[in-house]
Amino acid sequence: MQIKNKVATLNIKVKLGFEKKSESIFVFEFAFYLNDKALHNKLSEYDIIKVFSIEAFPFIRNSIFNVTKESSNPIMLPIIDLNNLDFKKGVEFVKK
């Protein structure tokens, strides 16, 4: 994440792996205007990443579904509570 001129940019990469097929990578870039300077000073960069990731996830989830619905197996990422995730390590979903 970068913050410059009150604009925070967040890049999220989603990698989808398939058995016997090459992986697909989706790259999303989000920009958020930080209007509340007090909040910006109060939160750590990691907390800002968490807040914006929570806002971005529904868009990511819907975008991946819309792109993959053209194939025979559309992918719908689960609805999850991102508040308790450790974004420093990344997140992995495995379909069983």
PDB file of N, CA and C in Angstrom:
ATOM      1  N   MET A   1       0.841  -1.165   0.000  1.00  0.00           N
ATOM      2  CA  MET A   1       0.000   0.000   0.000  1.00  0.00           C
ATOM      3  C   MET A   1       0.886   1.228   0.000  1.00  0.00           C
ATOM      4  N   GLN A   2       0.475   2.216  -0.765  1.00  0.00           N
ATOM      5  CA  GLN A   2       1.158   3.498  -0.784  1.00  0.00           C
ATOM      6  C   GLN A   2       0.152   4.585  -0.457  1.00  0.00           C
ATOM      7  N   ILE A   3       0.605   5.588   0.278  1.00  0.00           N
ATOM      8  CA  ILE A   3      -0.241   6.739   0.574  1.00  0.00           C
ATOM      9  C   ILE A   3       0.499   7.981   0.094  1.00  0.00           C
ATOM     10  N   LYS A   4      -0.123   8.695  -0.846  1.00  0.00           N
ATOM     11  CA  LYS A   4       0.493   9.884  -1.411  1.00  0.00           C
ATOM     12  C   LYS A   4      -0.604  10.892  -1.700  1.00  0.00           C
ATOM     13  N   ASN A   5      -0.437  12.100  -1.219  1.00  0.00           N
ATOM     14  CA  ASN A   5      -1.429  13.168  -1.430  1.00  0.00           C
ATOM     15  C   ASN A   5      -2.828  12.750  -1.005  1.00  0.00           C
ATOM     16  N   LYS A   6      -2.923  12.128   0.156  1.00  0.00           N
ATOM     17  CA  LYS A   6      -4.190  11.676   0.737  1.00  0.00           C
ATOM     18  C   LYS A   6      -4.862  10.556  -0.056  1.00  0.00           C
ATOM     19  N   VAL A   7      -4.159   9.957  -0.994  1.00  0.00           N
ATOM     20  CA  VAL A   7      -4.719   8.849  -1.767  1.00  0.00           C
ATOM     21  C   VAL A   7      -3.926   7.588  -1.423  1.00  0.00           C
ATOM     22  N   ALA A   8      -4.661   6.587  -0.935  1.00  0.00           N
ATOM     23  CA  ALA A   8      -4.047   5.299  -0.610  1.00  0.00           C
ATOM     24  C   ALA A   8      -4.336   4.343  -1.750  1.00  0.00           C
ATOM     25  N   THR A   9      -3.303   3.713  -2.265  1.00  0.00           N
ATOM     26  CA  THR A   9      -3.499   2.707  -3.311  1.00  0.00           C
ATOM     27  C   THR A   9      -3.188   1.342  -2.725  1.00  0.00           C
ATOM     28  N   LEU A  10      -4.018   0.403  -3.086  1.00  0.00           N
ATOM     29  CA  LEU A  10      -3.914  -0.958  -2.572  1.00  0.00           C
ATOM     30  C   LEU A  10      -3.944  -1.916  -3.750  1.00  0.00           C
ATOM     31  N   ASN A  11      -2.945  -2.771  -3.846  1.00  0.00           N
ATOM     32  CA  ASN A  11      -2.878  -3.777  -4.902  1.00  0.00           C
ATOM     33  C   ASN A  11      -3.127  -5.144  -4.285  1.00  0.00           C
ATOM     34  N   ILE A  12      -4.056  -5.876  -4.878  1.00  0.00           N
ATOM     35  CA  ILE A  12      -4.380  -7.216  -4.397  1.00  0.00           C
ATOM     36  C   ILE A  12      -4.263  -8.178  -5.568  1.00  0.00           C
ATOM     37  N   LYS A  13      -3.503  -9.257  -5.354  1.00  0.00           N
ATOM     38  CA  LYS A  13      -3.332 -10.275  -6.394  1.00  0.00           C
ATOM     39  C   LYS A  13      -4.043 -11.542  -5.931  1.00  0.00           C
ATOM     40  N   VAL A  14      -4.880 -12.083  -6.815  1.00  0.00           N
ATOM     41  CA  VAL A  14      -5.592 -13.325  -6.530  1.00  0.00           C
ATOM     42  C   VAL A  14      -5.111 -14.358  -7.532  1.00  0.00           C
ATOM     43  N   LYS A  15      -4.587 -15.466  -7.009  1.00  0.00           N
ATOM     44  CA  LYS A  15      -4.078 -16.532  -7.870  1.00  0.00           C
ATOM     45  C   LYS A  15      -4.994 -17.744  -7.715  1.00  0.00           C
ATOM     46  N   LEU A  16      -5.523 -18.219  -8.833  1.00  0.00           N
ATOM     47  CA  LEU A  16      -6.394 -19.387  -8.831  1.00  0.00           C
ATOM     48  C   LEU A  16      -5.647 -20.548  -9.468  1.00  0.00           C
ATOM     49  N   GLY A  17      -5.547 -21.640  -8.731  1.00  0.00           N
ATOM     50  CA  GLY A  17      -4.888 -22.836  -9.252  1.00  0.00           C
ATOM     51  C   GLY A  17      -5.908 -23.907  -9.563  1.00  0.00           C
ATOM     52  N   PHE A  18      -5.661 -24.643 -10.612  1.00  0.00           N
ATOM     53  CA  PHE A  18      -6.573 -25.692 -11.049  1.00  0.00           C
ATOM     54  C   PHE A  18      -5.784 -26.970 -11.275  1.00  0.00           C
ATOM     55  N   GLU A  19      -6.409 -28.103 -11.002  1.00  0.00           N
ATOM     56  CA  GLU A  19      -5.757 -29.371 -11.273  1.00  0.00           C
ATOM     57  C   GLU A  19      -5.600 -29.546 -12.782  1.00  0.00           C
ATOM     58  N   LYS A  20      -4.418 -29.934 -13.188  1.00  0.00           N
ATOM     59  CA  LYS A  20      -4.106 -30.242 -14.590  1.00  0.00           C
ATOM     60  C   LYS A  20      -4.285 -29.047 -15.525  1.00  0.00           C
ATOM     61  N   LYS A  21      -4.325 -27.835 -14.992  1.00  0.00           N
ATOM     62  CA  LYS A  21      -4.425 -26.628 -15.817  1.00  0.00           C
ATOM     63  C   LYS A  21      -3.490 -25.576 -15.238  1.00  0.00           C
ATOM     64  N   SER A  22      -3.129 -24.610 -16.077  1.00  0.00           N
ATOM     65  CA  SER A  22      -2.273 -23.536 -15.576  1.00  0.00           C
ATOM     66  C   SER A  22      -3.090 -22.610 -14.675  1.00  0.00           C
ATOM     67  N   GLU A  23      -2.380 -21.915 -13.796  1.00  0.00           N
ATOM     68  CA  GLU A  23      -3.073 -21.038 -12.862  1.00  0.00           C
ATOM     69  C   GLU A  23      -3.486 -19.734 -13.543  1.00  0.00           C
ATOM     70  N   SER A  24      -4.472 -19.088 -12.970  1.00  0.00           N
ATOM     71  CA  SER A  24      -4.932 -17.783 -13.437  1.00  0.00           C
ATOM     72  C   SER A  24      -4.646 -16.765 -12.352  1.00  0.00           C
ATOM     73  N   ILE A  25      -4.190 -15.596 -12.761  1.00  0.00           N
ATOM     74  CA  ILE A  25      -3.866 -14.541 -11.810  1.00  0.00           C
ATOM     75  C   ILE A  25      -4.695 -13.302 -12.142  1.00  0.00           C
ATOM     76  N   PHE A  26      -5.357 -12.780 -11.127  1.00  0.00           N
ATOM     77  CA  PHE A  26      -6.125 -11.546 -11.240  1.00  0.00           C
ATOM     78  C   PHE A  26      -5.406 -10.493 -10.398  1.00  0.00           C
ATOM     79  N   VAL A  27      -5.196  -9.314 -10.957  1.00  0.00           N
ATOM     80  CA  VAL A  27      -4.553  -8.228 -10.224  1.00  0.00           C
ATOM     81  C   VAL A  27      -5.547  -7.070 -10.142  1.00  0.00           C
ATOM     82  N   PHE A  28      -5.819  -6.641  -8.922  1.00  0.00           N
ATOM     83  CA  PHE A  28      -6.758  -5.555  -8.682  1.00  0.00           C
ATOM     84  C   PHE A  28      -6.001  -4.391  -8.049  1.00  0.00           C
ATOM     85  N   GLU A  29      -6.286  -3.187  -8.501  1.00  0.00           N
ATOM     86  CA  GLU A  29      -5.692  -1.999  -7.899  1.00  0.00           C
ATOM     87  C   GLU A  29      -6.822  -1.069  -7.481  1.00  0.00           C
ATOM     88  N   PHE A  30      -6.789  -0.679  -6.219  1.00  0.00           N
ATOM     89  CA  PHE A  30      -7.819   0.193  -5.662  1.00  0.00           C
ATOM     90  C   PHE A  30      -7.170   1.481  -5.183  1.00  0.00           C
ATOM     91  N   ALA A  31      -7.910   2.577  -5.282  1.00  0.00           N
ATOM     92  CA  ALA A  31      -7.447   3.858  -4.751  1.00  0.00           C
ATOM     93  C   ALA A  31      -8.532   4.407  -3.833  1.00  0.00           C
ATOM     94  N   PHE A  32      -8.111   4.859  -2.666  1.00  0.00           N
ATOM     95  CA  PHE A  32      -9.032   5.395  -1.677  1.00  0.00           C
ATOM     96  C   PHE A  32      -8.538   6.781  -1.265  1.00  0.00           C
ATOM     97  N   TYR A  33      -9.440   7.735  -1.242  1.00  0.00           N
ATOM     98  CA  TYR A  33      -9.098   9.083  -0.803  1.00  0.00           C
ATOM     99  C   TYR A  33      -9.251   9.157   0.706  1.00  0.00           C
ATOM    100  N   LEU A  34      -8.193   9.549   1.397  1.00  0.00           N
ATOM    101  CA  LEU A  34      -8.201   9.634   2.857  1.00  0.00           C
ATOM    102  C   LEU A  34      -8.615  11.042   3.272  1.00  0.00           C
ATOM    103  N   ASN A  35      -9.893  11.216   3.458  1.00  0.00           N
ATOM    104  CA  ASN A  35     -10.428  12.530   3.782  1.00  0.00           C
ATOM    105  C   ASN A  35     -10.277  12.864   5.257  1.00  0.00           C
ATOM    106  N   ASP A  36     -10.298  11.873   6.121  1.00  0.00           N
ATOM    107  CA  ASP A  36     -10.243  12.061   7.570  1.00  0.00           C
ATOM    108  C   ASP A  36      -8.797  11.953   8.049  1.00  0.00           C
ATOM    109  N   LYS A  37      -8.132  13.091   8.186  1.00  0.00           N
ATOM    110  CA  LYS A  37      -6.719  13.097   8.562  1.00  0.00           C
ATOM    111  C   LYS A  37      -6.508  12.528   9.964  1.00  0.00           C
ATOM    112  N   ALA A  38      -7.429  12.789  10.885  1.00  0.00           N
ATOM    113  CA  ALA A  38      -7.302  12.269  12.242  1.00  0.00           C
ATOM    114  C   ALA A  38      -7.328  10.744  12.252  1.00  0.00           C
ATOM    115  N   LEU A  39      -8.225  10.173  11.456  1.00  0.00           N
ATOM    116  CA  LEU A  39      -8.300   8.718  11.367  1.00  0.00           C
ATOM    117  C   LEU A  39      -7.026   8.163  10.746  1.00  0.00           C
ATOM    118  N   HIS A  40      -6.542   8.827   9.724  1.00  0.00           N
ATOM    119  CA  HIS A  40      -5.311   8.399   9.058  1.00  0.00           C
ATOM    120  C   HIS A  40      -4.144   8.396  10.032  1.00  0.00           C
ATOM    121  N   ASN A  41      -4.068   9.408  10.876  1.00  0.00           N
ATOM    122  CA  ASN A  41      -2.985   9.481  11.864  1.00  0.00           C
ATOM    123  C   ASN A  41      -3.171   8.477  12.988  1.00  0.00           C
ATOM    124  N   LYS A  42      -4.408   8.117  13.278  1.00  0.00           N
ATOM    125  CA  LYS A  42      -4.717   7.210  14.378  1.00  0.00           C
ATOM    126  C   LYS A  42      -4.418   5.748  14.024  1.00  0.00           C
ATOM    127  N   LEU A  43      -4.680   5.362  12.785  1.00  0.00           N
ATOM    128  CA  LEU A  43      -4.532   3.966  12.363  1.00  0.00           C
ATOM    129  C   LEU A  43      -3.138   3.698  11.810  1.00  0.00           C
ATOM    130  N   SER A  44      -2.656   2.493  12.041  1.00  0.00           N
ATOM    131  CA  SER A  44      -1.396   2.085  11.416  1.00  0.00           C
ATOM    132  C   SER A  44      -1.665   1.756   9.948  1.00  0.00           C
ATOM    133  N   GLU A  45      -0.612   1.681   9.173  1.00  0.00           N
ATOM    134  CA  GLU A  45      -0.775   1.336   7.754  1.00  0.00           C
ATOM    135  C   GLU A  45      -1.408  -0.044   7.601  1.00  0.00           C
ATOM    136  N   TYR A  46      -1.037  -0.959   8.502  1.00  0.00           N
ATOM    137  CA  TYR A  46      -1.613  -2.308   8.463  1.00  0.00           C
ATOM    138  C   TYR A  46      -3.120  -2.260   8.704  1.00  0.00           C
ATOM    139  N   ASP A  47      -3.569  -1.434   9.667  1.00  0.00           N
ATOM    140  CA  ASP A  47      -5.010  -1.303   9.934  1.00  0.00           C
ATOM    141  C   ASP A  47      -5.740  -0.669   8.750  1.00  0.00           C
ATOM    142  N   ILE A  48      -5.100   0.279   8.085  1.00  0.00           N
ATOM    143  CA  ILE A  48      -5.701   0.899   6.896  1.00  0.00           C
ATOM    144  C   ILE A  48      -5.852  -0.145   5.793  1.00  0.00           C
ATOM    145  N   ILE A  49      -4.850  -0.993   5.624  1.00  0.00           N
ATOM    146  CA  ILE A  49      -4.932  -2.072   4.631  1.00  0.00           C
ATOM    147  C   ILE A  49      -6.114  -2.981   4.945  1.00  0.00           C
ATOM    148  N   LYS A  50      -6.274  -3.340   6.204  1.00  0.00           N
ATOM    149  CA  LYS A  50      -7.391  -4.213   6.591  1.00  0.00           C
ATOM    150  C   LYS A  50      -8.735  -3.563   6.274  1.00  0.00           C
ATOM    151  N   VAL A  51      -8.896  -2.297   6.630  1.00  0.00           N
ATOM    152  CA  VAL A  51     -10.163  -1.601   6.383  1.00  0.00           C
ATOM    153  C   VAL A  51     -10.472  -1.567   4.887  1.00  0.00           C
ATOM    154  N   PHE A  52      -9.492  -1.213   4.077  1.00  0.00           N
ATOM    155  CA  PHE A  52      -9.733  -1.105   2.642  1.00  0.00           C
ATOM    156  C   PHE A  52      -9.904  -2.468   1.985  1.00  0.00           C
ATOM    157  N   SER A  53      -9.230  -3.478   2.499  1.00  0.00           N
ATOM    158  CA  SER A  53      -9.406  -4.828   1.960  1.00  0.00           C
ATOM    159  C   SER A  53     -10.824  -5.318   2.195  1.00  0.00           C
ATOM    160  N   ILE A  54     -11.368  -5.000   3.357  1.00  0.00           N
ATOM    161  CA  ILE A  54     -12.750  -5.381   3.656  1.00  0.00           C
ATOM    162  C   ILE A  54     -13.710  -4.708   2.675  1.00  0.00           C
ATOM    163  N   GLU A  55     -13.421  -3.477   2.307  1.00  0.00           N
ATOM    164  CA  GLU A  55     -14.257  -2.764   1.328  1.00  0.00           C
ATOM    165  C   GLU A  55     -14.074  -3.319  -0.079  1.00  0.00           C
ATOM    166  N   ALA A  56     -12.873  -3.769  -0.413  1.00  0.00           N
ATOM    167  CA  ALA A  56     -12.563  -4.230  -1.766  1.00  0.00           C
ATOM    168  C   ALA A  56     -13.008  -5.666  -2.031  1.00  0.00           C
ATOM    169  N   PHE A  57     -13.088  -6.490  -0.989  1.00  0.00           N
ATOM    170  CA  PHE A  57     -13.337  -7.922  -1.187  1.00  0.00           C
ATOM    171  C   PHE A  57     -14.639  -8.234  -1.930  1.00  0.00           C
ATOM    172  N   PRO A  58     -15.771  -7.585  -1.632  1.00  0.00           N
ATOM    173  CA  PRO A  58     -16.990  -7.898  -2.400  1.00  0.00           C
ATOM    174  C   PRO A  58     -16.821  -7.640  -3.903  1.00  0.00           C
ATOM    175  N   PHE A  59     -16.098  -6.598  -4.265  1.00  0.00           N
ATOM    176  CA  PHE A  59     -15.842  -6.314  -5.682  1.00  0.00           C
ATOM    177  C   PHE A  59     -14.980  -7.416  -6.296  1.00  0.00           C
ATOM    178  N   ILE A  60     -13.944  -7.838  -5.588  1.00  0.00           N
ATOM    179  CA  ILE A  60     -13.066  -8.905  -6.070  1.00  0.00           C
ATOM    180  C   ILE A  60     -13.857 -10.198  -6.250  1.00  0.00           C
ATOM    181  N   ARG A  61     -14.636 -10.528  -5.252  1.00  0.00           N
ATOM    182  CA  ARG A  61     -15.448 -11.753  -5.271  1.00  0.00           C
ATOM    183  C   ARG A  61     -16.396 -11.756  -6.473  1.00  0.00           C
ATOM    184  N   ASN A  62     -17.078 -10.637  -6.693  1.00  0.00           N
ATOM    185  CA  ASN A  62     -18.019 -10.531  -7.806  1.00  0.00           C
ATOM    186  C   ASN A  62     -17.297 -10.543  -9.155  1.00  0.00           C
ATOM    187  N   SER A  63     -16.165  -9.888  -9.233  1.00  0.00           N
ATOM    188  CA  SER A  63     -15.409  -9.837 -10.496  1.00  0.00           C
ATOM    189  C   SER A  63     -14.920 -11.218 -10.908  1.00  0.00           C
ATOM    190  N   ILE A  64     -14.387 -11.984  -9.965  1.00  0.00           N
ATOM    191  CA  ILE A  64     -13.903 -13.325 -10.295  1.00  0.00           C
ATOM    192  C   ILE A  64     -15.065 -14.213 -10.725  1.00  0.00           C
ATOM    193  N   PHE A  65     -16.193 -14.095 -10.058  1.00  0.00           N
ATOM    194  CA  PHE A  65     -17.366 -14.874 -10.463  1.00  0.00           C
ATOM    195  C   PHE A  65     -17.783 -14.511 -11.887  1.00  0.00           C
ATOM    196  N   ASN A  66     -17.866 -13.226 -12.197  1.00  0.00           N
ATOM    197  CA  ASN A  66     -18.312 -12.795 -13.525  1.00  0.00           C
ATOM    198  C   ASN A  66     -17.360 -13.227 -14.635  1.00  0.00           C
ATOM    199  N   VAL A  67     -16.071 -13.195 -14.364  1.00  0.00           N
ATOM    200  CA  VAL A  67     -15.097 -13.615 -15.378  1.00  0.00           C
ATOM    201  C   VAL A  67     -15.162 -15.128 -15.591  1.00  0.00           C
ATOM    202  N   THR A  68     -15.317 -15.888 -14.519  1.00  0.00           N
ATOM    203  CA  THR A  68     -15.278 -17.349 -14.640  1.00  0.00           C
ATOM    204  C   THR A  68     -16.636 -17.969 -14.968  1.00  0.00           C
ATOM    205  N   LYS A  69     -17.717 -17.213 -14.922  1.00  0.00           N
ATOM    206  CA  LYS A  69     -19.030 -17.800 -15.212  1.00  0.00           C
ATOM    207  C   LYS A  69     -19.176 -18.172 -16.687  1.00  0.00           C
ATOM    208  N   GLU A  70     -18.303 -17.644 -17.517  1.00  0.00           N
ATOM    209  CA  GLU A  70     -18.324 -17.995 -18.935  1.00  0.00           C
ATOM    210  C   GLU A  70     -17.829 -19.412 -19.163  1.00  0.00           C
ATOM    211  N   SER A  71     -17.069 -19.922 -18.194  1.00  0.00           N
ATOM    212  CA  SER A  71     -16.598 -21.302 -18.296  1.00  0.00           C
ATOM    213  C   SER A  71     -17.653 -22.220 -17.690  1.00  0.00           C
ATOM    214  N   SER A  72     -17.402 -23.487 -17.713  1.00  0.00           N
ATOM    215  CA  SER A  72     -18.380 -24.436 -17.197  1.00  0.00           C
ATOM    216  C   SER A  72     -18.410 -24.467 -15.666  1.00  0.00           C
ATOM    217  N   ASN A  73     -17.370 -23.929 -15.012  1.00  0.00           N
ATOM    218  CA  ASN A  73     -17.293 -23.962 -13.553  1.00  0.00           C
ATOM    219  C   ASN A  73     -17.034 -22.577 -12.991  1.00  0.00           C
ATOM    220  N   PRO A  74     -18.068 -21.766 -12.792  1.00  0.00           N
ATOM    221  CA  PRO A  74     -17.827 -20.436 -12.228  1.00  0.00           C
ATOM    222  C   PRO A  74     -17.306 -20.542 -10.791  1.00  0.00           C
ATOM    223  N   ILE A  75     -16.458 -19.604 -10.418  1.00  0.00           N
ATOM    224  CA  ILE A  75     -15.852 -19.612  -9.095  1.00  0.00           C
ATOM    225  C   ILE A  75     -16.486 -18.513  -8.258  1.00  0.00           C
ATOM    226  N   MET A  76     -17.051 -18.905  -7.116  1.00  0.00           N
ATOM    227  CA  MET A  76     -17.609 -17.952  -6.174  1.00  0.00           C
ATOM    228  C   MET A  76     -16.820 -18.077  -4.879  1.00  0.00           C
ATOM    229  N   LEU A  77     -16.008 -17.058  -4.602  1.00  0.00           N
ATOM    230  CA  LEU A  77     -15.273 -17.057  -3.347  1.00  0.00           C
ATOM    231  C   LEU A  77     -16.273 -16.955  -2.205  1.00  0.00           C
ATOM    232  N   PRO A  78     -15.961 -17.550  -1.064  1.00  0.00           N
ATOM    233  CA  PRO A  78     -16.917 -17.527   0.047  1.00  0.00           C
ATOM    234  C   PRO A  78     -17.045 -16.138   0.661  1.00  0.00           C
ATOM    235  N   ILE A  79     -18.167 -15.910   1.318  1.00  0.00           N
ATOM    236  CA  ILE A  79     -18.352 -14.694   2.106  1.00  0.00           C
ATOM    237  C   ILE A  79     -17.688 -14.963   3.457  1.00  0.00           C
ATOM    238  N   ILE A  80     -16.715 -14.157   3.801  1.00  0.00           N
ATOM    239  CA  ILE A  80     -15.984 -14.384   5.056  1.00  0.00           C
ATOM    240  C   ILE A  80     -15.796 -13.063   5.793  1.00  0.00           C
ATOM    241  N   ASP A  81     -15.538 -13.163   7.080  1.00  0.00           N
ATOM    242  CA  ASP A  81     -15.220 -12.011   7.906  1.00  0.00           C
ATOM    243  C   ASP A  81     -13.712 -11.788   7.827  1.00  0.00           C
ATOM    244  N   LEU A  82     -13.310 -10.722   7.178  1.00  0.00           N
ATOM    245  CA  LEU A  82     -11.881 -10.456   6.981  1.00  0.00           C
ATOM    246  C   LEU A  82     -11.222  -9.795   8.192  1.00  0.00           C
ATOM    247  N   ASN A  83     -11.997  -9.442   9.196  1.00  0.00           N
ATOM    248  CA  ASN A  83     -11.438  -8.734  10.352  1.00  0.00           C
ATOM    249  C   ASN A  83     -10.361  -9.520  11.077  1.00  0.00           C
ATOM    250  N   ASN A  84     -10.452 -10.838  11.097  1.00  0.00           N
ATOM    251  CA  ASN A  84      -9.524 -11.645  11.877  1.00  0.00           C
ATOM    252  C   ASN A  84      -8.393 -12.261  11.053  1.00  0.00           C
ATOM    253  N   LEU A  85      -8.279 -11.896   9.804  1.00  0.00           N
ATOM    254  CA  LEU A  85      -7.239 -12.472   8.962  1.00  0.00           C
ATOM    255  C   LEU A  85      -5.917 -11.728   9.119  1.00  0.00           C
ATOM    256  N   ASP A  86      -4.823 -12.442   8.940  1.00  0.00           N
ATOM    257  CA  ASP A  86      -3.495 -11.854   8.981  1.00  0.00           C
ATOM    258  C   ASP A  86      -3.084 -11.547   7.543  1.00  0.00           C
ATOM    259  N   PHE A  87      -3.150 -10.285   7.159  1.00  0.00           N
ATOM    260  CA  PHE A  87      -2.870  -9.901   5.775  1.00  0.00           C
ATOM    261  C   PHE A  87      -1.382  -9.906   5.457  1.00  0.00           C
ATOM    262  N   LYS A  88      -0.549 -10.068   6.459  1.00  0.00           N
ATOM    263  CA  LYS A  88       0.892 -10.120   6.212  1.00  0.00           C
ATOM    264  C   LYS A  88       1.291 -11.443   5.570  1.00  0.00           C
ATOM    265  N   LYS A  89       0.525 -12.494   5.841  1.00  0.00           N
ATOM    266  CA  LYS A  89       0.843 -13.821   5.315  1.00  0.00           C
ATOM    267  C   LYS A  89       0.061 -14.176   4.064  1.00  0.00           C
ATOM    268  N   GLY A  90      -1.014 -13.469   3.800  1.00  0.00           N
ATOM    269  CA  GLY A  90      -1.856 -13.799   2.661  1.00  0.00           C
ATOM    270  C   GLY A  90      -2.998 -14.695   3.083  1.00  0.00           C
ATOM    271  N   VAL A  91      -3.882 -14.964   2.168  1.00  0.00           N
ATOM    272  CA  VAL A  91      -5.075 -15.762   2.442  1.00  0.00           C
ATOM    273  C   VAL A  91      -5.155 -16.844   1.376  1.00  0.00           C
ATOM    274  N   GLU A  92      -5.490 -18.047   1.779  1.00  0.00           N
ATOM    275  CA  GLU A  92      -5.612 -19.146   0.819  1.00  0.00           C
ATOM    276  C   GLU A  92      -6.938 -19.853   1.048  1.00  0.00           C
ATOM    277  N   PHE A  93      -7.684 -20.034  -0.041  1.00  0.00           N
ATOM    278  CA  PHE A  93      -8.928 -20.808  -0.018  1.00  0.00           C
ATOM    279  C   PHE A  93      -8.684 -22.084  -0.808  1.00  0.00           C
ATOM    280  N   VAL A  94      -9.083 -23.211  -0.259  1.00  0.00           N
ATOM    281  CA  VAL A  94      -8.901 -24.481  -0.940  1.00  0.00           C
ATOM    282  C   VAL A  94     -10.267 -25.162  -1.039  1.00  0.00           C
ATOM    283  N   LYS A  95     -10.678 -25.476  -2.263  1.00  0.00           N
ATOM    284  CA  LYS A  95     -11.935 -26.179  -2.470  1.00  0.00           C
ATOM    285  C   LYS A  95     -11.688 -27.675  -2.275  1.00  0.00           C
ATOM    286  N   LYS A  96     -12.509 -28.288  -1.446  1.00  0.00           N
ATOM    287  CA  LYS A  96     -12.337 -29.712  -1.163  1.00  0.00           C
ATOM    288  C   LYS A  96     -13.378 -30.531  -1.890  1.00  0.00           C
TER     289      LYS A  96
END
